[in-house]
PDB file of all heavy atoms in Angstrom:
ATOM      1  N   GLY A   1       0.810  -1.177  -0.009  1.00  0.00           N
ATOM      2  CA  GLY A   1      -0.006   0.011   0.007  1.00  0.00           C
ATOM      3  C   GLY A   1       0.846   1.243  -0.009  1.00  0.00           C
ATOM      4  O   GLY A   1       0.552   2.258  -0.661  1.00  0.00           O
ATOM      5  N   ASN A   2       1.945   1.216   0.754  1.00  0.00           N
ATOM      6  CA  ASN A   2       2.872   2.346   0.836  1.00  0.00           C
ATOM      7  C   ASN A   2       3.477   2.629  -0.567  1.00  0.00           C
ATOM      8  O   ASN A   2       3.583   3.810  -0.972  1.00  0.00           O
ATOM      9  CB  ASN A   2       4.006   1.998   1.817  1.00  0.00           C
ATOM     10  CG  ASN A   2       4.878   3.172   2.164  1.00  0.00           C
ATOM     11  OD1 ASN A   2       4.610   4.294   1.862  1.00  0.00           O
ATOM     12  ND2 ASN A   2       5.981   2.897   2.850  1.00  0.00           N
ATOM     13  N   THR A   3       3.787   1.634  -1.318  1.00  0.00           N
ATOM     14  CA  THR A   3       4.326   1.776  -2.647  1.00  0.00           C
ATOM     15  C   THR A   3       3.306   2.393  -3.631  1.00  0.00           C
ATOM     16  O   THR A   3       3.653   3.273  -4.353  1.00  0.00           O
ATOM     17  CB  THR A   3       4.812   0.422  -3.191  1.00  0.00           C
ATOM     18  OG1 THR A   3       5.774  -0.138  -2.333  1.00  0.00           O
ATOM     19  CG2 THR A   3       5.452   0.605  -4.577  1.00  0.00           C
ATOM     20  N   TYR A   4       2.024   2.011  -3.487  1.00  0.00           N
ATOM     21  CA  TYR A   4       1.011   2.585  -4.277  1.00  0.00           C
ATOM     22  C   TYR A   4       0.819   4.070  -3.964  1.00  0.00           C
ATOM     23  O   TYR A   4       0.573   4.896  -4.834  1.00  0.00           O
ATOM     24  CB  TYR A   4      -0.314   1.852  -4.060  1.00  0.00           C
ATOM     25  CG  TYR A   4      -0.486   0.602  -4.849  1.00  0.00           C
ATOM     26  CD1 TYR A   4      -0.946  -0.596  -4.253  1.00  0.00           C
ATOM     27  CD2 TYR A   4      -0.272   0.574  -6.241  1.00  0.00           C
ATOM     28  CE1 TYR A   4      -1.140  -1.751  -4.983  1.00  0.00           C
ATOM     29  CE2 TYR A   4      -0.414  -0.591  -6.961  1.00  0.00           C
ATOM     30  CZ  TYR A   4      -0.915  -1.726  -6.339  1.00  0.00           C
ATOM     31  OH  TYR A   4      -1.057  -2.875  -7.113  1.00  0.00           O
ATOM     32  N   ILE A   5       0.982   4.433  -2.664  1.00  0.00           N
ATOM     33  CA  ILE A   5       0.875   5.863  -2.287  1.00  0.00           C
ATOM     34  C   ILE A   5       1.981   6.680  -2.968  1.00  0.00           C
ATOM     35  O   ILE A   5       1.738   7.699  -3.614  1.00  0.00           O
ATOM     36  CB  ILE A   5       0.993   6.032  -0.767  1.00  0.00           C
ATOM     37  CG1 ILE A   5      -0.283   5.513  -0.052  1.00  0.00           C
ATOM     38  CG2 ILE A   5       1.190   7.525  -0.389  1.00  0.00           C
ATOM     39  CD1 ILE A   5      -0.154   5.405   1.442  1.00  0.00           C
ATOM     40  N   GLN A   6       3.214   6.145  -2.918  1.00  0.00           N
ATOM     41  CA  GLN A   6       4.308   6.876  -3.540  1.00  0.00           C
ATOM     42  C   GLN A   6       4.155   6.965  -5.047  1.00  0.00           C
ATOM     43  O   GLN A   6       4.613   7.928  -5.704  1.00  0.00           O
ATOM     44  CB  GLN A   6       5.620   6.172  -3.176  1.00  0.00           C
ATOM     45  CG  GLN A   6       5.948   6.289  -1.667  1.00  0.00           C
ATOM     46  CD  GLN A   6       7.144   5.443  -1.265  1.00  0.00           C
ATOM     47  OE1 GLN A   6       8.304   5.732  -1.588  1.00  0.00           O
ATOM     48  NE2 GLN A   6       6.914   4.308  -0.575  1.00  0.00           N
ATOM     49  N   ALA A   7       3.459   5.998  -5.642  1.00  0.00           N
ATOM     50  CA  ALA A   7       3.192   5.979  -7.083  1.00  0.00           C
ATOM     51  C   ALA A   7       1.976   6.813  -7.446  1.00  0.00           C
ATOM     52  O   ALA A   7       1.589   6.884  -8.594  1.00  0.00           O
ATOM     53  CB  ALA A   7       3.022   4.549  -7.626  1.00  0.00           C
ATOM     54  N   ARG A   8       1.346   7.420  -6.439  1.00  0.00           N
ATOM     55  CA  ARG A   8       0.151   8.253  -6.615  1.00  0.00           C
ATOM     56  C   ARG A   8      -1.074   7.443  -7.098  1.00  0.00           C
ATOM     57  O   ARG A   8      -1.996   7.962  -7.670  1.00  0.00           O
ATOM     58  CB  ARG A   8       0.384   9.375  -7.612  1.00  0.00           C
ATOM     59  CG  ARG A   8       0.973  10.691  -7.187  1.00  0.00           C
ATOM     60  CD  ARG A   8       2.149  10.634  -6.329  1.00  0.00           C
ATOM     61  NE  ARG A   8       2.741  11.943  -6.102  1.00  0.00           N
ATOM     62  CZ  ARG A   8       3.886  12.106  -5.550  1.00  0.00           C
ATOM     63  NH1 ARG A   8       4.657  11.024  -5.180  1.00  0.00           N
ATOM     64  NH2 ARG A   8       4.404  13.327  -5.312  1.00  0.00           N
ATOM     65  N   GLN A   9      -1.061   6.146  -6.776  1.00  0.00           N
ATOM     66  CA  GLN A   9      -2.195   5.321  -7.116  1.00  0.00           C
ATOM     67  C   GLN A   9      -3.031   5.089  -5.859  1.00  0.00           C
ATOM     68  O   GLN A   9      -3.001   3.992  -5.208  1.00  0.00           O
ATOM     69  CB  GLN A   9      -1.673   3.994  -7.699  1.00  0.00           C
ATOM     70  CG  GLN A   9      -0.947   4.153  -9.005  1.00  0.00           C
ATOM     71  CD  GLN A   9      -0.507   2.798  -9.611  1.00  0.00           C
ATOM     72  OE1 GLN A   9      -1.198   1.796  -9.464  1.00  0.00           O
ATOM     73  NE2 GLN A   9       0.656   2.816 -10.267  1.00  0.00           N
ATOM     74  N   TYR A  10      -3.735   6.154  -5.462  1.00  0.00           N
ATOM     75  CA  TYR A  10      -4.332   6.182  -4.124  1.00  0.00           C
ATOM     76  C   TYR A  10      -5.520   5.189  -3.954  1.00  0.00           C
ATOM     77  O   TYR A  10      -5.666   4.628  -2.910  1.00  0.00           O
ATOM     78  CB  TYR A  10      -4.780   7.620  -3.836  1.00  0.00           C
ATOM     79  CG  TYR A  10      -3.629   8.616  -3.895  1.00  0.00           C
ATOM     80  CD1 TYR A  10      -3.700   9.690  -4.720  1.00  0.00           C
ATOM     81  CD2 TYR A  10      -2.492   8.415  -3.132  1.00  0.00           C
ATOM     82  CE1 TYR A  10      -2.645  10.596  -4.776  1.00  0.00           C
ATOM     83  CE2 TYR A  10      -1.448   9.276  -3.227  1.00  0.00           C
ATOM     84  CZ  TYR A  10      -1.512  10.410  -4.073  1.00  0.00           C
ATOM     85  OH  TYR A  10      -0.492  11.280  -4.156  1.00  0.00           O
ATOM     86  N   ASP A  11      -6.291   4.984  -4.999  1.00  0.00           N
ATOM     87  CA  ASP A  11      -7.397   4.040  -4.895  1.00  0.00           C
ATOM     88  C   ASP A  11      -6.892   2.642  -4.607  1.00  0.00           C
ATOM     89  O   ASP A  11      -7.435   1.892  -3.804  1.00  0.00           O
ATOM     90  CB  ASP A  11      -8.279   4.025  -6.147  1.00  0.00           C
ATOM     91  CG  ASP A  11      -9.131   5.326  -6.238  1.00  0.00           C
ATOM     92  OD1 ASP A  11      -9.429   5.901  -5.191  1.00  0.00           O
ATOM     93  OD2 ASP A  11      -9.438   5.723  -7.364  1.00  0.00           O
ATOM     94  N   LYS A  12      -5.817   2.281  -5.379  1.00  0.00           N
ATOM     95  CA  LYS A  12      -5.204   0.919  -5.124  1.00  0.00           C
ATOM     96  C   LYS A  12      -4.577   0.849  -3.738  1.00  0.00           C
ATOM     97  O   LYS A  12      -4.623  -0.185  -3.111  1.00  0.00           O
ATOM     98  CB  LYS A  12      -4.161   0.641  -6.215  1.00  0.00           C
ATOM     99  CG  LYS A  12      -4.787   0.362  -7.589  1.00  0.00           C
ATOM    100  CD  LYS A  12      -3.685   0.035  -8.605  1.00  0.00           C
ATOM    101  CE  LYS A  12      -4.320  -0.289  -9.943  1.00  0.00           C
ATOM    102  NZ  LYS A  12      -3.296  -0.647 -10.992  1.00  0.00           N
ATOM    103  N   ALA A  13      -3.985   1.980  -3.265  1.00  0.00           N
ATOM    104  CA  ALA A  13      -3.453   1.977  -1.942  1.00  0.00           C
ATOM    105  C   ALA A  13      -4.500   1.784  -0.884  1.00  0.00           C
ATOM    106  O   ALA A  13      -4.324   0.951   0.058  1.00  0.00           O
ATOM    107  CB  ALA A  13      -2.734   3.334  -1.661  1.00  0.00           C
ATOM    108  N   ILE A  14      -5.633   2.475  -1.040  1.00  0.00           N
ATOM    109  CA  ILE A  14      -6.757   2.302  -0.077  1.00  0.00           C
ATOM    110  C   ILE A  14      -7.256   0.858  -0.045  1.00  0.00           C
ATOM    111  O   ILE A  14      -7.446   0.264   0.999  1.00  0.00           O
ATOM    112  CB  ILE A  14      -7.867   3.259  -0.390  1.00  0.00           C
ATOM    113  CG1 ILE A  14      -7.417   4.704  -0.068  1.00  0.00           C
ATOM    114  CG2 ILE A  14      -9.139   2.938   0.405  1.00  0.00           C
ATOM    115  CD1 ILE A  14      -8.346   5.794  -0.625  1.00  0.00           C
ATOM    116  N   GLU A  15      -7.435   0.282  -1.249  1.00  0.00           N
ATOM    117  CA  GLU A  15      -7.866  -1.110  -1.336  1.00  0.00           C
ATOM    118  C   GLU A  15      -6.891  -2.078  -0.665  1.00  0.00           C
ATOM    119  O   GLU A  15      -7.312  -2.961   0.126  1.00  0.00           O
ATOM    120  CB  GLU A  15      -8.037  -1.519  -2.791  1.00  0.00           C
ATOM    121  CG  GLU A  15      -8.520  -2.933  -3.014  1.00  0.00           C
ATOM    122  CD  GLU A  15      -8.592  -3.316  -4.506  1.00  0.00           C
ATOM    123  OE1 GLU A  15      -8.283  -2.460  -5.352  1.00  0.00           O
ATOM    124  OE2 GLU A  15      -9.035  -4.457  -4.768  1.00  0.00           O
ATOM    125  N   GLN A  16      -5.589  -1.877  -0.932  1.00  0.00           N
ATOM    126  CA  GLN A  16      -4.572  -2.808  -0.355  1.00  0.00           C
ATOM    127  C   GLN A  16      -4.519  -2.632   1.160  1.00  0.00           C
ATOM    128  O   GLN A  16      -4.372  -3.600   1.900  1.00  0.00           O
ATOM    129  CB  GLN A  16      -3.225  -2.500  -1.021  1.00  0.00           C
ATOM    130  CG  GLN A  16      -2.064  -3.244  -0.394  1.00  0.00           C
ATOM    131  CD  GLN A  16      -2.223  -4.756  -0.460  1.00  0.00           C
ATOM    132  OE1 GLN A  16      -2.775  -5.304  -1.419  1.00  0.00           O
ATOM    133  NE2 GLN A  16      -1.793  -5.440   0.598  1.00  0.00           N
ATOM    134  N   LEU A  17      -4.550  -1.420   1.628  1.00  0.00           N
ATOM    135  CA  LEU A  17      -4.407  -1.168   3.063  1.00  0.00           C
ATOM    136  C   LEU A  17      -5.632  -1.601   3.871  1.00  0.00           C
ATOM    137  O   LEU A  17      -5.544  -2.078   5.011  1.00  0.00           O
ATOM    138  CB  LEU A  17      -4.091   0.318   3.335  1.00  0.00           C
ATOM    139  CG  LEU A  17      -2.684   0.703   2.824  1.00  0.00           C
ATOM    140  CD1 LEU A  17      -2.563   2.198   2.674  1.00  0.00           C
ATOM    141  CD2 LEU A  17      -1.631   0.172   3.777  1.00  0.00           C
ATOM    142  N   ARG A  18      -6.824  -1.510   3.250  1.00  0.00           N
ATOM    143  CA  ARG A  18      -8.019  -2.052   3.910  1.00  0.00           C
ATOM    144  C   ARG A  18      -7.891  -3.567   4.036  1.00  0.00           C
ATOM    145  O   ARG A  18      -8.278  -4.179   5.069  1.00  0.00           O
ATOM    146  CB  ARG A  18      -9.269  -1.702   3.078  1.00  0.00           C
ATOM    147  CG  ARG A  18      -9.758  -0.280   3.248  1.00  0.00           C
ATOM    148  CD  ARG A  18     -10.879   0.024   2.318  1.00  0.00           C
ATOM    149  NE  ARG A  18     -11.477   1.313   2.534  1.00  0.00           N
ATOM    150  CZ  ARG A  18     -12.344   1.887   1.677  1.00  0.00           C
ATOM    151  NH1 ARG A  18     -12.681   1.241   0.562  1.00  0.00           N
ATOM    152  NH2 ARG A  18     -12.865   3.075   1.953  1.00  0.00           N
ATOM    153  N   LYS A  19      -7.352  -4.233   2.988  1.00  0.00           N
ATOM    154  CA  LYS A  19      -7.135  -5.659   3.034  1.00  0.00           C
ATOM    155  C   LYS A  19      -6.155  -6.026   4.134  1.00  0.00           C
ATOM    156  O   LYS A  19      -6.342  -7.019   4.866  1.00  0.00           O
ATOM    157  CB  LYS A  19      -6.674  -6.195   1.712  1.00  0.00           C
ATOM    158  CG  LYS A  19      -7.689  -6.202   0.603  1.00  0.00           C
ATOM    159  CD  LYS A  19      -7.134  -6.694  -0.688  1.00  0.00           C
ATOM    160  CE  LYS A  19      -8.132  -6.751  -1.855  1.00  0.00           C
ATOM    161  NZ  LYS A  19      -7.546  -7.159  -3.089  1.00  0.00           N
ATOM    162  N   THR A  20      -5.138  -5.203   4.293  1.00  0.00           N
ATOM    163  CA  THR A  20      -4.133  -5.458   5.323  1.00  0.00           C
ATOM    164  C   THR A  20      -4.759  -5.342   6.738  1.00  0.00           C
ATOM    165  O   THR A  20      -4.513  -6.209   7.587  1.00  0.00           O
ATOM    166  CB  THR A  20      -3.001  -4.381   5.208  1.00  0.00           C
ATOM    167  OG1 THR A  20      -2.432  -4.398   3.916  1.00  0.00           O
ATOM    168  CG2 THR A  20      -1.873  -4.677   6.252  1.00  0.00           C
ATOM    169  N   LEU A  21      -5.650  -4.366   6.913  1.00  0.00           N
ATOM    170  CA  LEU A  21      -6.318  -4.182   8.226  1.00  0.00           C
ATOM    171  C   LEU A  21      -7.371  -5.240   8.462  1.00  0.00           C
ATOM    172  O   LEU A  21      -7.630  -5.535   9.647  1.00  0.00           O
ATOM    173  CB  LEU A  21      -6.890  -2.766   8.278  1.00  0.00           C
ATOM    174  CG  LEU A  21      -5.867  -1.654   8.418  1.00  0.00           C
ATOM    175  CD1 LEU A  21      -6.495  -0.321   8.235  1.00  0.00           C
ATOM    176  CD2 LEU A  21      -5.225  -1.747   9.859  1.00  0.00           C
ATOM    177  N   GLU A  22      -7.913  -5.864   7.416  1.00  0.00           N
ATOM    178  CA  GLU A  22      -8.763  -7.007   7.611  1.00  0.00           C
ATOM    179  C   GLU A  22      -8.026  -8.150   8.268  1.00  0.00           C
ATOM    180  O   GLU A  22      -8.611  -8.980   9.000  1.00  0.00           O
ATOM    181  CB  GLU A  22      -9.397  -7.428   6.305  1.00  0.00           C
ATOM    182  CG  GLU A  22     -10.457  -6.546   5.795  1.00  0.00           C
ATOM    183  CD  GLU A  22     -10.905  -6.898   4.383  1.00  0.00           C
ATOM    184  OE1 GLU A  22     -10.495  -7.979   3.863  1.00  0.00           O
ATOM    185  OE2 GLU A  22     -11.714  -6.148   3.760  1.00  0.00           O
ATOM    186  N   MET A  23      -6.722  -8.224   7.989  1.00  0.00           N
ATOM    187  CA  MET A  23      -5.867  -9.271   8.593  1.00  0.00           C
ATOM    188  C   MET A  23      -5.578  -8.958  10.066  1.00  0.00           C
ATOM    189  O   MET A  23      -5.452  -9.897  10.884  1.00  0.00           O
ATOM    190  CB  MET A  23      -4.576  -9.383   7.792  1.00  0.00           C
ATOM    191  CG  MET A  23      -4.741  -9.812   6.353  1.00  0.00           C
ATOM    192  SD  MET A  23      -3.263  -9.523   5.313  1.00  0.00           S
ATOM    193  CE  MET A  23      -2.086 -10.566   6.122  1.00  0.00           C
ATOM    194  N   ASP A  24      -5.422  -7.706  10.388  1.00  0.00           N
ATOM    195  CA  ASP A  24      -5.130  -7.337  11.789  1.00  0.00           C
ATOM    196  C   ASP A  24      -5.476  -5.813  11.957  1.00  0.00           C
ATOM    197  O   ASP A  24      -4.712  -4.919  11.529  1.00  0.00           O
ATOM    198  CB  ASP A  24      -3.638  -7.548  12.097  1.00  0.00           C
ATOM    199  CG  ASP A  24      -3.330  -7.329  13.559  1.00  0.00           C
ATOM    200  OD1 ASP A  24      -4.179  -6.792  14.308  1.00  0.00           O
ATOM    201  OD2 ASP A  24      -2.226  -7.676  13.976  1.00  0.00           O
ATOM    202  N   GLN A  25      -6.547  -5.588  12.651  1.00  0.00           N
ATOM    203  CA  GLN A  25      -7.046  -4.189  12.849  1.00  0.00           C
ATOM    204  C   GLN A  25      -6.140  -3.412  13.802  1.00  0.00           C
ATOM    205  O   GLN A  25      -6.202  -2.163  13.894  1.00  0.00           O
ATOM    206  CB  GLN A  25      -8.432  -4.196  13.473  1.00  0.00           C
ATOM    207  CG  GLN A  25      -9.551  -4.367  12.445  1.00  0.00           C
ATOM    208  CD  GLN A  25      -9.748  -3.113  11.563  1.00  0.00           C
ATOM    209  OE1 GLN A  25      -9.483  -2.001  11.975  1.00  0.00           O
ATOM    210  NE2 GLN A  25     -10.149  -3.371  10.303  1.00  0.00           N
ATOM    211  N   SER A  26      -5.231  -4.109  14.494  1.00  0.00           N
ATOM    212  CA  SER A  26      -4.362  -3.446  15.472  1.00  0.00           C
ATOM    213  C   SER A  26      -3.017  -2.985  14.881  1.00  0.00           C
ATOM    214  O   SER A  26      -2.189  -2.480  15.610  1.00  0.00           O
ATOM    215  CB  SER A  26      -4.145  -4.353  16.697  1.00  0.00           C
ATOM    216  OG  SER A  26      -3.325  -5.446  16.309  1.00  0.00           O
ATOM    217  N   PHE A  27      -2.841  -3.175  13.600  1.00  0.00           N
ATOM    218  CA  PHE A  27      -1.566  -2.866  12.979  1.00  0.00           C
ATOM    219  C   PHE A  27      -1.514  -1.345  12.645  1.00  0.00           C
ATOM    220  O   PHE A  27      -2.028  -0.907  11.641  1.00  0.00           O
ATOM    221  CB  PHE A  27      -1.353  -3.726  11.703  1.00  0.00           C
ATOM    222  CG  PHE A  27       0.011  -3.553  11.076  1.00  0.00           C
ATOM    223  CD1 PHE A  27       1.143  -3.541  11.915  1.00  0.00           C
ATOM    224  CD2 PHE A  27       0.190  -3.563   9.737  1.00  0.00           C
ATOM    225  CE1 PHE A  27       2.423  -3.455  11.381  1.00  0.00           C
ATOM    226  CE2 PHE A  27       1.446  -3.514   9.160  1.00  0.00           C
ATOM    227  CZ  PHE A  27       2.573  -3.430  10.001  1.00  0.00           C
ATOM    228  N   TYR A  28      -0.926  -0.589  13.555  1.00  0.00           N
ATOM    229  CA  TYR A  28      -1.006   0.880  13.482  1.00  0.00           C
ATOM    230  C   TYR A  28      -0.413   1.431  12.222  1.00  0.00           C
ATOM    231  O   TYR A  28      -0.915   2.434  11.681  1.00  0.00           O
ATOM    232  CB  TYR A  28      -0.307   1.494  14.708  1.00  0.00           C
ATOM    233  CG  TYR A  28       1.131   1.845  14.510  1.00  0.00           C
ATOM    234  CD1 TYR A  28       1.523   3.117  14.211  1.00  0.00           C
ATOM    235  CD2 TYR A  28       2.160   0.872  14.612  1.00  0.00           C
ATOM    236  CE1 TYR A  28       2.842   3.467  14.027  1.00  0.00           C
ATOM    237  CE2 TYR A  28       3.463   1.213  14.435  1.00  0.00           C
ATOM    238  CZ  TYR A  28       3.826   2.511  14.138  1.00  0.00           C
ATOM    239  OH  TYR A  28       5.150   2.826  13.949  1.00  0.00           O
ATOM    240  N   PHE A  29       0.656   0.795  11.706  1.00  0.00           N
ATOM    241  CA  PHE A  29       1.368   1.330  10.515  1.00  0.00           C
ATOM    242  C   PHE A  29       0.397   1.346   9.327  1.00  0.00           C
ATOM    243  O   PHE A  29       0.413   2.319   8.516  1.00  0.00           O
ATOM    244  CB  PHE A  29       2.524   0.424  10.230  1.00  0.00           C
ATOM    245  CG  PHE A  29       3.390   0.812   9.067  1.00  0.00           C
ATOM    246  CD1 PHE A  29       3.921   2.108   8.992  1.00  0.00           C
ATOM    247  CD2 PHE A  29       3.698  -0.060   8.019  1.00  0.00           C
ATOM    248  CE1 PHE A  29       4.717   2.527   7.899  1.00  0.00           C
ATOM    249  CE2 PHE A  29       4.433   0.314   6.942  1.00  0.00           C
ATOM    250  CZ  PHE A  29       4.974   1.595   6.866  1.00  0.00           C
ATOM    251  N   ALA A  30      -0.460   0.329   9.186  1.00  0.00           N
ATOM    252  CA  ALA A  30      -1.432   0.326   8.100  1.00  0.00           C
ATOM    253  C   ALA A  30      -2.463   1.410   8.252  1.00  0.00           C
ATOM    254  O   ALA A  30      -2.943   2.028   7.239  1.00  0.00           O
ATOM    255  CB  ALA A  30      -2.092  -1.023   7.999  1.00  0.00           C
ATOM    256  N   HIS A  31      -2.881   1.701   9.468  1.00  0.00           N
ATOM    257  CA  HIS A  31      -3.807   2.800   9.727  1.00  0.00           C
ATOM    258  C   HIS A  31      -3.170   4.139   9.301  1.00  0.00           C
ATOM    259  O   HIS A  31      -3.851   4.962   8.635  1.00  0.00           O
ATOM    260  CB  HIS A  31      -4.223   2.839  11.171  1.00  0.00           C
ATOM    261  CG  HIS A  31      -5.264   1.854  11.597  1.00  0.00           C
ATOM    262  ND1 HIS A  31      -6.577   1.912  11.204  1.00  0.00           N
ATOM    263  CD2 HIS A  31      -5.101   0.675  12.320  1.00  0.00           C
ATOM    264  CE1 HIS A  31      -7.240   0.868  11.711  1.00  0.00           C
ATOM    265  NE2 HIS A  31      -6.379   0.121  12.386  1.00  0.00           N
ATOM    266  N   ALA A  32      -1.907   4.319   9.635  1.00  0.00           N
ATOM    267  CA  ALA A  32      -1.235   5.576   9.306  1.00  0.00           C
ATOM    268  C   ALA A  32      -1.148   5.720   7.821  1.00  0.00           C
ATOM    269  O   ALA A  32      -1.370   6.809   7.242  1.00  0.00           O
ATOM    270  CB  ALA A  32       0.152   5.625   9.945  1.00  0.00           C
ATOM    271  N   LEU A  33      -0.771   4.661   7.110  1.00  0.00           N
ATOM    272  CA  LEU A  33      -0.681   4.735   5.634  1.00  0.00           C
ATOM    273  C   LEU A  33      -2.031   4.898   4.982  1.00  0.00           C
ATOM    274  O   LEU A  33      -2.164   5.671   4.005  1.00  0.00           O
ATOM    275  CB  LEU A  33      -0.047   3.468   5.128  1.00  0.00           C
ATOM    276  CG  LEU A  33       1.461   3.240   5.428  1.00  0.00           C
ATOM    277  CD1 LEU A  33       1.905   1.863   5.030  1.00  0.00           C
ATOM    278  CD2 LEU A  33       2.324   4.297   4.705  1.00  0.00           C
ATOM    279  N   LEU A  34      -3.058   4.270   5.525  1.00  0.00           N
ATOM    280  CA  LEU A  34      -4.389   4.448   4.987  1.00  0.00           C
ATOM    281  C   LEU A  34      -4.847   5.907   5.154  1.00  0.00           C
ATOM    282  O   LEU A  34      -5.436   6.511   4.283  1.00  0.00           O
ATOM    283  CB  LEU A  34      -5.386   3.519   5.686  1.00  0.00           C
ATOM    284  CG  LEU A  34      -6.828   3.522   5.179  1.00  0.00           C
ATOM    285  CD1 LEU A  34      -6.912   3.306   3.697  1.00  0.00           C
ATOM    286  CD2 LEU A  34      -7.664   2.509   5.947  1.00  0.00           C
ATOM    287  N   GLY A  35      -4.485   6.509   6.298  1.00  0.00           N
ATOM    288  CA  GLY A  35      -4.778   7.917   6.468  1.00  0.00           C
ATOM    289  C   GLY A  35      -4.115   8.798   5.447  1.00  0.00           C
ATOM    290  O   GLY A  35      -4.733   9.731   4.903  1.00  0.00           O
ATOM    291  N   MET A  36      -2.867   8.449   5.072  1.00  0.00           N
ATOM    292  CA  MET A  36      -2.157   9.234   4.104  1.00  0.00           C
ATOM    293  C   MET A  36      -2.820   9.090   2.713  1.00  0.00           C
ATOM    294  O   MET A  36      -2.954  10.086   1.995  1.00  0.00           O
ATOM    295  CB  MET A  36      -0.700   8.713   4.015  1.00  0.00           C
ATOM    296  CG  MET A  36       0.212   9.652   3.218  1.00  0.00           C
ATOM    297  SD  MET A  36       1.905   9.030   3.125  1.00  0.00           S
ATOM    298  CE  MET A  36       2.331   8.935   4.876  1.00  0.00           C
ATOM    299  N   ALA A  37      -3.262   7.885   2.394  1.00  0.00           N
ATOM    300  CA  ALA A  37      -3.955   7.685   1.095  1.00  0.00           C
ATOM    301  C   ALA A  37      -5.258   8.450   1.074  1.00  0.00           C
ATOM    302  O   ALA A  37      -5.562   9.068   0.057  1.00  0.00           O
ATOM    303  CB  ALA A  37      -4.215   6.200   0.914  1.00  0.00           C
ATOM    304  N   TYR A  38      -6.006   8.437   2.166  1.00  0.00           N
ATOM    305  CA  TYR A  38      -7.245   9.203   2.191  1.00  0.00           C
ATOM    306  C   TYR A  38      -6.943  10.727   2.090  1.00  0.00           C
ATOM    307  O   TYR A  38      -7.638  11.455   1.393  1.00  0.00           O
ATOM    308  CB  TYR A  38      -7.987   8.981   3.529  1.00  0.00           C
ATOM    309  CG  TYR A  38      -8.807   7.726   3.547  1.00  0.00           C
ATOM    310  CD1 TYR A  38      -8.739   6.828   4.643  1.00  0.00           C
ATOM    311  CD2 TYR A  38      -9.732   7.399   2.528  1.00  0.00           C
ATOM    312  CE1 TYR A  38      -9.502   5.715   4.689  1.00  0.00           C
ATOM    313  CE2 TYR A  38     -10.502   6.284   2.585  1.00  0.00           C
ATOM    314  CZ  TYR A  38     -10.427   5.399   3.649  1.00  0.00           C
ATOM    315  OH  TYR A  38     -11.207   4.264   3.723  1.00  0.00           O
ATOM    316  N   GLN A  39      -5.914  11.152   2.791  1.00  0.00           N
ATOM    317  CA  GLN A  39      -5.513  12.566   2.720  1.00  0.00           C
ATOM    318  C   GLN A  39      -5.224  13.011   1.316  1.00  0.00           C
ATOM    319  O   GLN A  39      -5.681  14.060   0.857  1.00  0.00           O
ATOM    320  CB  GLN A  39      -4.326  12.856   3.612  1.00  0.00           C
ATOM    321  CG  GLN A  39      -3.902  14.324   3.566  1.00  0.00           C
ATOM    322  CD  GLN A  39      -2.782  14.645   4.601  1.00  0.00           C
ATOM    323  OE1 GLN A  39      -2.458  13.822   5.436  1.00  0.00           O
ATOM    324  NE2 GLN A  39      -2.175  15.795   4.464  1.00  0.00           N
TER     325      GLN A  39
END
């Protein structure tokens, strides 16, 4: 997801990071990256 953010592919980043959080909602790094994609 982080790589998609840097590539400016924000919709793909959001999709990937949501999938990551489905695996573990407590993974703070994914929440931070998802926030960046939304921003």
